[in-house]
């Protein structure tokens, strides 16, 4: 069974940086589109960044320039680098693995989430 496990969350100061990790198991990692979402308290879940199996990464317009998504297929891991952290970045961050359109019979997977708290 597929599984995603996030790590790297915690307390960070405004203006600081952190890197979130998500390690997968039980899936053919290299073919999946990988995403980071976040959900702040009282707000809906929003898409932060996407990295396909091949091609360009994409980001939410408001976050572009501060967030960087990357993947290491050999390590079955997707990363989210966050720079110049703002108080509004506080949220639970979730990783997601989605099959490409032509393989929609495959399942989508979600991690359990990792909490990011911003405080000075």
N, C-alpha and C. Protein backbone atom coordinates (compact mmCIF):
# COMPACT_ATOMS: atom_id res chain seq x y z
N UNK A 1 0.84 -1.19 0.00
CA UNK A 1 0.00 0.00 0.00
C UNK A 1 0.88 1.24 0.00
N UNK A 2 0.49 2.25 -0.77
CA UNK A 2 1.27 3.46 -0.86
C UNK A 2 1.19 4.28 0.42
N UNK A 3 2.28 4.96 0.71
CA UNK A 3 2.36 5.77 1.91
C UNK A 3 3.29 6.94 1.67
N UNK A 4 2.91 8.11 2.20
CA UNK A 4 3.73 9.31 2.17
C UNK A 4 3.89 9.81 3.60
N UNK A 5 5.11 10.16 3.98
CA UNK A 5 5.39 10.62 5.33
C UNK A 5 6.17 11.92 5.25
N UNK A 6 5.57 13.00 5.75
CA UNK A 6 6.22 14.31 5.76
C UNK A 6 7.08 14.47 7.01
N UNK A 7 8.07 15.34 6.91
CA UNK A 7 8.89 15.72 8.05
C UNK A 7 9.49 17.09 7.77
N UNK A 8 10.08 17.68 8.79
CA UNK A 8 10.76 18.95 8.63
C UNK A 8 10.01 20.16 9.14
N UNK A 9 8.77 19.98 9.54
CA UNK A 9 8.03 21.09 10.09
C UNK A 9 8.50 21.44 11.49
N UNK A 10 7.99 22.55 11.99
CA UNK A 10 8.37 23.01 13.31
C UNK A 10 8.27 24.51 13.40
N UNK A 11 8.96 25.06 14.38
CA UNK A 11 8.94 26.50 14.64
C UNK A 11 10.02 27.19 13.83
N UNK A 12 9.65 28.25 13.14
CA UNK A 12 10.60 29.03 12.35
C UNK A 12 10.30 30.51 12.56
N UNK A 13 11.34 31.33 12.56
CA UNK A 13 11.18 32.77 12.72
C UNK A 13 10.81 33.43 11.40
N UNK A 14 10.06 34.53 11.46
CA UNK A 14 9.83 35.29 10.23
C UNK A 14 11.15 35.65 9.56
N UNK A 15 11.19 35.50 8.26
CA UNK A 15 12.41 35.73 7.51
C UNK A 15 13.34 34.55 7.43
N UNK A 16 13.07 33.53 8.19
CA UNK A 16 13.91 32.34 8.18
C UNK A 16 13.56 31.40 7.05
N UNK A 17 14.18 30.23 7.10
CA UNK A 17 14.00 29.22 6.06
C UNK A 17 13.81 27.85 6.70
N UNK A 18 13.17 26.98 5.96
CA UNK A 18 13.08 25.59 6.36
C UNK A 18 12.86 24.72 5.13
N UNK A 19 13.15 23.45 5.27
CA UNK A 19 12.94 22.51 4.20
C UNK A 19 12.08 21.36 4.69
N UNK A 20 10.98 21.14 4.01
CA UNK A 20 10.10 20.03 4.30
C UNK A 20 10.45 18.86 3.39
N UNK A 21 10.30 17.66 3.92
CA UNK A 21 10.57 16.45 3.17
C UNK A 21 9.35 15.55 3.20
N UNK A 22 9.20 14.76 2.16
CA UNK A 22 8.13 13.77 2.10
C UNK A 22 8.69 12.52 1.45
N UNK A 23 8.75 11.45 2.21
CA UNK A 23 9.30 10.19 1.71
C UNK A 23 8.17 9.23 1.38
N UNK A 24 8.22 8.65 0.21
CA UNK A 24 7.18 7.74 -0.26
C UNK A 24 7.64 6.29 -0.16
N UNK A 25 6.67 5.41 -0.09
CA UNK A 25 6.92 3.98 -0.16
C UNK A 25 5.70 3.31 -0.78
N UNK A 26 5.92 2.17 -1.40
CA UNK A 26 4.82 1.39 -1.92
C UNK A 26 4.21 1.89 -3.23
N UNK A 27 4.87 2.84 -3.90
CA UNK A 27 4.40 3.33 -5.18
C UNK A 27 5.55 3.38 -6.17
N UNK A 28 5.21 3.42 -7.46
CA UNK A 28 6.23 3.63 -8.47
C UNK A 28 6.48 5.13 -8.52
N UNK A 29 7.38 5.58 -7.69
CA UNK A 29 7.52 7.00 -7.38
C UNK A 29 7.77 7.85 -8.62
N UNK A 30 8.60 7.37 -9.52
CA UNK A 30 9.08 8.20 -10.62
C UNK A 30 7.98 8.62 -11.59
N UNK A 31 6.87 7.91 -11.66
CA UNK A 31 5.82 8.25 -12.61
C UNK A 31 4.79 9.22 -12.05
N UNK A 32 4.84 9.49 -10.76
CA UNK A 32 3.81 10.29 -10.11
C UNK A 32 4.10 11.78 -10.19
N UNK A 33 3.02 12.54 -10.35
CA UNK A 33 3.07 13.98 -10.14
C UNK A 33 3.05 14.22 -8.64
N UNK A 34 3.96 15.03 -8.15
CA UNK A 34 4.08 15.30 -6.73
C UNK A 34 3.68 16.73 -6.43
N UNK A 35 2.96 16.89 -5.34
CA UNK A 35 2.43 18.20 -4.96
C UNK A 35 2.65 18.45 -3.48
N UNK A 36 2.77 19.73 -3.15
CA UNK A 36 2.66 20.18 -1.77
C UNK A 36 1.42 21.06 -1.64
N UNK A 37 0.62 20.77 -0.63
CA UNK A 37 -0.52 21.58 -0.25
C UNK A 37 -0.30 22.10 1.17
N UNK A 38 -1.06 23.11 1.53
CA UNK A 38 -1.05 23.56 2.91
C UNK A 38 -2.45 23.98 3.32
N UNK A 39 -2.71 23.91 4.61
CA UNK A 39 -3.99 24.32 5.15
C UNK A 39 -3.74 25.07 6.45
N UNK A 40 -4.00 26.36 6.41
CA UNK A 40 -3.90 27.19 7.60
C UNK A 40 -5.18 27.09 8.40
N UNK A 41 -5.08 27.35 9.68
CA UNK A 41 -6.23 27.25 10.56
C UNK A 41 -7.36 28.17 10.07
N UNK A 42 -8.54 27.60 9.89
CA UNK A 42 -9.69 28.36 9.45
C UNK A 42 -9.75 28.63 7.97
N UNK A 43 -8.83 28.07 7.21
CA UNK A 43 -8.78 28.30 5.77
C UNK A 43 -8.85 26.98 5.01
N UNK A 44 -9.28 27.02 3.76
CA UNK A 44 -9.29 25.80 2.97
C UNK A 44 -7.88 25.38 2.57
N UNK A 45 -7.75 24.13 2.23
CA UNK A 45 -6.48 23.62 1.75
C UNK A 45 -6.15 24.24 0.39
N UNK A 46 -4.90 24.63 0.20
CA UNK A 46 -4.50 25.24 -1.05
C UNK A 46 -3.27 24.55 -1.62
N UNK A 47 -3.19 24.54 -2.93
CA UNK A 47 -2.04 23.98 -3.61
C UNK A 47 -0.89 24.96 -3.56
N UNK A 48 0.26 24.48 -3.13
CA UNK A 48 1.45 25.31 -3.01
C UNK A 48 2.36 25.16 -4.22
N UNK A 49 2.66 23.91 -4.59
CA UNK A 49 3.64 23.66 -5.64
C UNK A 49 3.41 22.29 -6.24
N UNK A 50 3.83 22.13 -7.48
CA UNK A 50 3.69 20.88 -8.21
C UNK A 50 4.97 20.59 -8.97
N UNK A 51 5.39 19.34 -8.96
CA UNK A 51 6.51 18.91 -9.79
C UNK A 51 6.11 17.62 -10.49
N UNK A 52 6.09 17.61 -11.82
CA UNK A 52 5.72 16.41 -12.56
C UNK A 52 6.89 15.44 -12.66
N UNK A 53 6.64 14.28 -13.25
CA UNK A 53 7.72 13.32 -13.45
C UNK A 53 8.77 13.87 -14.41
N UNK A 54 8.34 14.71 -15.33
CA UNK A 54 9.24 15.41 -16.23
C UNK A 54 8.60 16.73 -16.61
N UNK A 55 9.39 17.76 -16.74
CA UNK A 55 8.87 19.06 -17.10
C UNK A 55 9.05 20.09 -16.00
N UNK A 56 8.35 21.20 -16.16
CA UNK A 56 8.53 22.35 -15.29
C UNK A 56 7.73 22.24 -14.01
N UNK A 57 8.27 22.82 -12.97
CA UNK A 57 7.55 22.97 -11.72
C UNK A 57 6.59 24.15 -11.81
N UNK A 58 5.55 24.13 -10.98
CA UNK A 58 4.60 25.22 -10.90
C UNK A 58 4.35 25.58 -9.45
N UNK A 59 3.97 26.83 -9.22
CA UNK A 59 3.76 27.35 -7.89
C UNK A 59 2.52 28.22 -7.85
N UNK A 60 1.94 28.32 -6.67
CA UNK A 60 0.92 29.33 -6.47
C UNK A 60 1.52 30.70 -6.73
N UNK A 61 0.77 31.56 -7.42
CA UNK A 61 1.32 32.85 -7.83
C UNK A 61 1.83 33.67 -6.65
N UNK A 62 1.11 33.63 -5.55
CA UNK A 62 1.49 34.43 -4.40
C UNK A 62 2.73 33.92 -3.70
N UNK A 63 3.14 32.70 -3.98
CA UNK A 63 4.27 32.08 -3.31
C UNK A 63 5.50 31.97 -4.18
N UNK A 64 5.34 32.19 -5.46
CA UNK A 64 6.46 32.05 -6.39
C UNK A 64 7.60 32.99 -6.00
N UNK A 65 8.79 32.43 -5.96
CA UNK A 65 9.97 33.19 -5.58
C UNK A 65 10.46 32.86 -4.19
N UNK A 66 9.60 32.37 -3.32
CA UNK A 66 9.99 31.99 -1.98
C UNK A 66 9.97 30.48 -1.77
N UNK A 67 9.22 29.76 -2.58
CA UNK A 67 9.06 28.32 -2.44
C UNK A 67 9.73 27.61 -3.61
N UNK A 68 10.38 26.49 -3.31
CA UNK A 68 11.00 25.67 -4.33
C UNK A 68 10.69 24.21 -4.07
N UNK A 69 10.09 23.54 -5.03
CA UNK A 69 9.81 22.12 -4.93
C UNK A 69 10.86 21.36 -5.74
N UNK A 70 11.28 20.23 -5.21
CA UNK A 70 12.24 19.38 -5.91
C UNK A 70 11.96 17.93 -5.55
N UNK A 71 12.52 17.03 -6.33
CA UNK A 71 12.32 15.61 -6.06
C UNK A 71 13.61 14.85 -6.29
N UNK A 72 13.75 13.76 -5.55
CA UNK A 72 14.86 12.85 -5.71
C UNK A 72 14.25 11.46 -5.87
N UNK A 73 14.17 11.01 -7.10
CA UNK A 73 13.51 9.73 -7.37
C UNK A 73 14.27 8.55 -6.76
N UNK A 74 15.58 8.63 -6.71
CA UNK A 74 16.36 7.55 -6.12
C UNK A 74 16.06 7.39 -4.64
N UNK A 75 15.71 8.48 -3.97
CA UNK A 75 15.40 8.45 -2.55
C UNK A 75 13.91 8.43 -2.27
N UNK A 76 13.08 8.40 -3.30
CA UNK A 76 11.62 8.40 -3.16
C UNK A 76 11.16 9.58 -2.29
N UNK A 77 11.72 10.73 -2.54
CA UNK A 77 11.47 11.88 -1.68
C UNK A 77 11.19 13.14 -2.50
N UNK A 78 10.23 13.92 -2.04
CA UNK A 78 9.97 15.24 -2.59
C UNK A 78 10.20 16.26 -1.49
N UNK A 79 10.77 17.40 -1.85
CA UNK A 79 11.13 18.43 -0.90
C UNK A 79 10.40 19.72 -1.21
N UNK A 80 10.22 20.52 -0.17
CA UNK A 80 9.72 21.88 -0.33
C UNK A 80 10.62 22.81 0.47
N UNK A 81 11.37 23.64 -0.22
CA UNK A 81 12.21 24.65 0.42
C UNK A 81 11.41 25.94 0.55
N UNK A 82 11.38 26.49 1.74
CA UNK A 82 10.66 27.72 2.01
C UNK A 82 11.65 28.75 2.50
N UNK A 83 11.75 29.88 1.80
CA UNK A 83 12.66 30.95 2.17
C UNK A 83 11.87 32.21 2.52
N UNK A 84 12.51 33.08 3.30
CA UNK A 84 11.90 34.35 3.70
C UNK A 84 10.49 34.12 4.24
N UNK A 85 10.42 33.28 5.24
CA UNK A 85 9.16 32.85 5.80
C UNK A 85 8.36 34.04 6.32
N UNK A 86 7.06 34.02 6.07
CA UNK A 86 6.13 35.03 6.54
C UNK A 86 5.17 34.41 7.54
N UNK A 87 4.59 35.22 8.43
CA UNK A 87 3.61 34.66 9.37
C UNK A 87 2.48 33.91 8.69
N UNK A 88 2.07 34.35 7.52
CA UNK A 88 1.00 33.69 6.79
C UNK A 88 1.37 32.31 6.26
N UNK A 89 2.63 31.94 6.34
CA UNK A 89 3.05 30.61 5.91
C UNK A 89 2.73 29.54 6.95
N UNK A 90 2.36 29.93 8.14
CA UNK A 90 2.00 28.96 9.17
C UNK A 90 0.81 28.13 8.71
N UNK A 91 0.97 26.83 8.73
CA UNK A 91 -0.07 25.93 8.24
C UNK A 91 0.40 24.50 8.46
N UNK A 92 -0.50 23.57 8.23
CA UNK A 92 -0.13 22.18 8.09
C UNK A 92 0.16 21.93 6.62
N UNK A 93 1.32 21.42 6.33
CA UNK A 93 1.75 21.16 4.97
C UNK A 93 1.62 19.67 4.66
N UNK A 94 1.00 19.36 3.53
CA UNK A 94 0.75 17.99 3.11
C UNK A 94 1.41 17.72 1.77
N UNK A 95 2.01 16.57 1.62
CA UNK A 95 2.45 16.14 0.30
C UNK A 95 1.42 15.21 -0.31
N UNK A 96 1.42 15.19 -1.62
CA UNK A 96 0.44 14.43 -2.38
C UNK A 96 1.12 13.85 -3.61
N UNK A 97 0.76 12.62 -3.94
CA UNK A 97 1.24 11.97 -5.15
C UNK A 97 0.03 11.63 -6.00
N UNK A 98 0.03 12.11 -7.25
CA UNK A 98 -1.09 11.90 -8.15
C UNK A 98 -0.60 11.26 -9.44
N UNK A 99 -1.37 10.33 -10.00
CA UNK A 99 -0.97 9.72 -11.26
C UNK A 99 -1.15 10.68 -12.41
N UNK A 100 -0.41 10.49 -13.49
CA UNK A 100 -0.64 11.30 -14.69
C UNK A 100 -2.02 11.04 -15.26
N UNK A 101 -2.49 11.92 -16.12
CA UNK A 101 -3.85 11.83 -16.65
C UNK A 101 -4.09 10.49 -17.34
N UNK A 102 -3.12 10.00 -18.07
CA UNK A 102 -3.30 8.76 -18.81
C UNK A 102 -3.27 7.53 -17.93
N UNK A 103 -3.02 7.70 -16.65
CA UNK A 103 -3.00 6.59 -15.71
C UNK A 103 -3.92 6.87 -14.53
N UNK A 104 -5.12 7.32 -14.83
CA UNK A 104 -6.05 7.74 -13.79
C UNK A 104 -6.60 6.58 -12.97
N UNK A 105 -6.37 5.35 -13.39
CA UNK A 105 -6.79 4.21 -12.59
C UNK A 105 -5.95 4.04 -11.34
N UNK A 106 -4.78 4.65 -11.31
CA UNK A 106 -3.94 4.59 -10.12
C UNK A 106 -4.49 5.51 -9.05
N UNK A 107 -4.16 5.19 -7.81
CA UNK A 107 -4.66 5.95 -6.67
C UNK A 107 -3.84 7.21 -6.42
N UNK A 108 -4.48 8.17 -5.77
CA UNK A 108 -3.79 9.33 -5.22
C UNK A 108 -3.44 9.03 -3.77
N UNK A 109 -2.34 9.60 -3.31
CA UNK A 109 -1.88 9.38 -1.93
C UNK A 109 -1.60 10.70 -1.26
N UNK A 110 -1.87 10.73 0.04
CA UNK A 110 -1.65 11.90 0.87
C UNK A 110 -0.82 11.53 2.08
N UNK A 111 0.04 12.45 2.49
CA UNK A 111 0.75 12.30 3.74
C UNK A 111 -0.11 12.76 4.90
N UNK A 112 0.40 12.57 6.10
CA UNK A 112 -0.34 12.93 7.31
C UNK A 112 -0.24 14.41 7.65
N UNK A 113 0.68 15.11 7.03
CA UNK A 113 0.87 16.53 7.27
C UNK A 113 1.96 16.80 8.28
N UNK A 114 2.61 17.95 8.13
CA UNK A 114 3.61 18.42 9.08
C UNK A 114 3.33 19.88 9.39
N UNK A 115 3.34 20.22 10.66
CA UNK A 115 2.95 21.55 11.12
C UNK A 115 4.12 22.52 11.02
N UNK A 116 3.87 23.66 10.41
CA UNK A 116 4.82 24.76 10.38
C UNK A 116 4.25 25.91 11.20
N UNK A 117 5.00 26.34 12.19
CA UNK A 117 4.61 27.45 13.05
C UNK A 117 5.61 28.58 12.88
N UNK A 118 5.11 29.79 12.69
CA UNK A 118 5.96 30.96 12.48
C UNK A 118 5.82 31.88 13.68
N UNK A 119 6.93 32.15 14.33
CA UNK A 119 6.91 32.99 15.52
C UNK A 119 8.29 33.58 15.75
N UNK A 120 8.31 34.83 16.20
CA UNK A 120 9.56 35.49 16.56
C UNK A 120 9.83 35.41 18.05
